[in-house]
Structure formats: C-alpha cells, structure tokens
Amino acid sequence: FKAFEYMLDRLGCGPEDILHCSSSFRYDLMSAHDLGIKNKVWVNRGHEPANPYYGYVEIANISGLPGVV
C-alpha cells in the first residue's frame, strides 16, 4: 500500500480521483482495490486468472486503454 499512498499524497487526490492501469492482478490490481481505487483497468496478458469481484475493465493489451478512457 505504501507506494499507492505515496502516489495519492504526491498527487493530492483521493483513490476515487484516479484511473489505475495494472499489468499484475495479484500484486497491483488487488492492492488498488483494497485501497479503495474504484476505476481500474487490468491488462490481461494471460498469466493470471481473472476475478470479477475486484471490479475492473479488462483489456488484452495497452493499446485498448484509449477505448476505456
């Protein structure tokens, strides 16, 4: 959490104010969810199983990000 908290502090915003784009489900997306970040995008490269509980938009590669934004 420390990296996320540092980022939010430096940006001067709350977790509801950002869009988090993650390439790691376990180490990145789950932590963002636990911190309260609502807007999440997961770049699913097929290395980890999906879990819709965490409320994210799934894209196959980073080129899909503009379509989400």
Foldseek 3Di string as FASTA:
>chain_A
DVVVVVVCVVVVHALQPDAAEEADVVPGLVVSLVRPNQHYEYQCCPPDDDDCVSHYHYDPDPVCVVVVD
